[in-house]
Protein backbone atom coordinates (compact mmCIF):
# COMPACT_ATOMS: atom_id res chain seq x y z
CA GLN A 1 23.96 62.95 -11.53
CA VAL A 2 23.20 66.39 -10.17
CA GLN A 3 26.15 68.58 -9.23
CA LEU A 4 25.31 70.61 -6.16
CA VAL A 5 27.46 73.62 -5.42
CA GLU A 6 27.99 74.68 -1.83
CA SER A 7 29.24 78.03 -0.67
CA VAL A 8 32.58 78.37 1.02
CA GLY A 9 32.55 77.82 4.78
CA GLY A 10 35.15 79.37 6.99
CA LEU A 11 36.61 80.04 10.38
CA VAL A 12 34.21 81.51 12.91
CA GLN A 13 34.64 82.41 16.54
CA PRO A 14 32.45 80.70 19.13
CA GLY A 15 29.13 82.47 19.33
CA GLY A 16 29.41 83.67 15.77
CA SER A 17 27.21 83.05 12.76
CA LEU A 18 27.63 81.71 9.26
CA ARG A 19 25.26 80.96 6.40
CA LEU A 20 25.86 78.13 3.98
CA SER A 21 24.14 77.80 0.64
CA CYS A 22 23.65 74.90 -1.74
CA ALA A 23 22.76 75.64 -5.34
CA SER A 24 21.08 73.06 -7.51
CA PRO A 25 21.29 73.01 -11.33
CA ILE A 26 17.79 71.57 -11.46
CA SER A 27 14.50 72.91 -10.22
CA ILE A 28 13.83 72.19 -6.56
CA PHE A 29 10.12 73.02 -6.78
CA THR A 30 9.10 69.37 -6.76
CA ILE A 31 11.80 67.97 -4.49
CA ASN A 32 10.15 66.63 -1.37
CA HIS A 33 13.08 66.69 1.05
CA MET A 34 16.35 68.57 1.14
CA ARG A 35 18.89 67.95 3.87
CA TRP A 36 22.11 69.13 5.43
CA TYR A 37 24.60 66.72 6.97
CA ARG A 38 27.96 67.23 8.61
CA GLN A 39 31.03 65.19 9.38
CA PRO A 40 33.05 66.26 12.40
CA PRO A 41 36.75 65.38 12.39
CA GLY A 42 37.28 61.72 13.16
CA LYS A 43 33.56 60.99 13.28
CA LEU A 44 30.86 59.63 11.02
CA ARG A 45 28.68 61.84 8.88
CA GLU A 46 25.56 62.91 10.77
CA TRP A 47 22.25 64.41 9.81
CA VAL A 48 21.72 68.07 10.72
CA ALA A 49 18.44 69.30 9.26
CA THR A 50 15.69 68.63 6.73
CA ILE A 51 13.29 70.90 4.90
CA SER A 52 10.31 69.45 3.11
CA ARG A 53 8.50 70.69 0.06
CA ASP A 54 5.73 72.13 2.21
CA GLY A 55 8.26 74.03 4.30
CA THR A 56 8.25 71.70 7.27
CA THR A 57 11.63 71.63 9.00
CA ASN A 58 13.31 69.19 11.35
CA TYR A 59 16.57 69.48 13.22
CA ALA A 60 19.02 67.35 15.11
CA ASP A 61 18.83 67.99 18.83
CA SER A 62 22.37 69.33 18.81
CA VAL A 63 21.47 72.24 16.52
CA ARG A 64 17.80 72.90 17.21
CA GLY A 65 17.22 76.52 18.16
CA ARG A 66 20.55 77.63 16.69
CA PHE A 67 20.40 76.53 13.05
CA THR A 68 17.75 77.34 10.47
CA ILE A 69 17.29 75.50 7.21
CA SER A 70 15.48 77.24 4.38
CA ARG A 71 15.02 77.07 0.63
CA ASP A 72 14.40 79.48 -2.20
CA ALA A 73 12.76 77.57 -5.00
CA ASN A 74 13.04 80.55 -7.35
CA LYS A 75 16.82 80.39 -7.01
CA ASN A 76 17.03 76.58 -6.74
CA THR A 77 19.02 77.09 -3.57
CA MET A 78 18.94 75.74 -0.04
CA TYR A 79 20.46 77.48 2.97
CA LEU A 80 21.68 76.70 6.45
CA GLN A 81 21.86 79.67 8.79
CA MET A 82 24.05 78.79 11.74
CA ASN A 83 23.97 80.99 14.82
CA SER A 84 25.55 80.70 18.26
CA LEU A 85 28.20 78.45 16.82
CA LYS A 86 30.13 76.17 19.13
CA PRO A 87 33.49 74.44 18.71
CA GLU A 88 31.62 71.14 18.45
CA ASP A 89 29.94 72.44 15.28
CA THR A 90 33.30 72.17 13.54
CA ALA A 91 32.79 69.82 10.62
CA VAL A 92 32.57 69.45 6.89
CA TYR A 93 29.02 70.32 5.92
CA TYR A 94 27.23 68.64 3.02
CA CYS A 95 23.92 69.33 1.34
CA TYR A 96 21.90 66.44 0.01
CA LEU A 97 18.96 66.11 -2.34
CA THR A 98 17.70 63.55 -4.84
CA ASN A 99 20.47 61.10 -3.93
CA ASN A 100 23.16 63.67 -4.69
CA TRP A 101 25.71 65.23 -2.35
CA GLY A 102 27.33 68.61 -2.42
CA GLN A 103 31.10 68.78 -2.48
CA GLY A 104 31.31 69.61 1.21
CA THR A 105 32.47 72.80 2.87
CA GLN A 106 34.63 73.17 5.95
CA VAL A 107 33.29 75.08 8.93
CA THR A 108 35.68 75.62 11.81
CA VAL A 109 34.56 77.20 15.06
CA SER A 110 37.50 78.30 17.12
CA SER A 111 38.88 81.29 18.97
């Protein structure tokens, strides 16, 4: 089992920005797909974004144009840059790769 370590989330005002990171203890050079998910309060976990080994990215409609997923293979780390945050982005965010989940980090968007 791979233990992924996510950065601390936080409280952000609407319209603000936050960057999450997810560090892997193993090399991510050969990992084909890395993903971010989130679980809003009282709801099921939902997919947010995917980045493929070739750099191709895909986003949920709800975040497209506001969130950016990226990866730094030299640091074995994946990122989620979140801009123009909305209250409905409030959730616990999880990274996912090779059938392993991060521990989850709380992001709260509120004034």
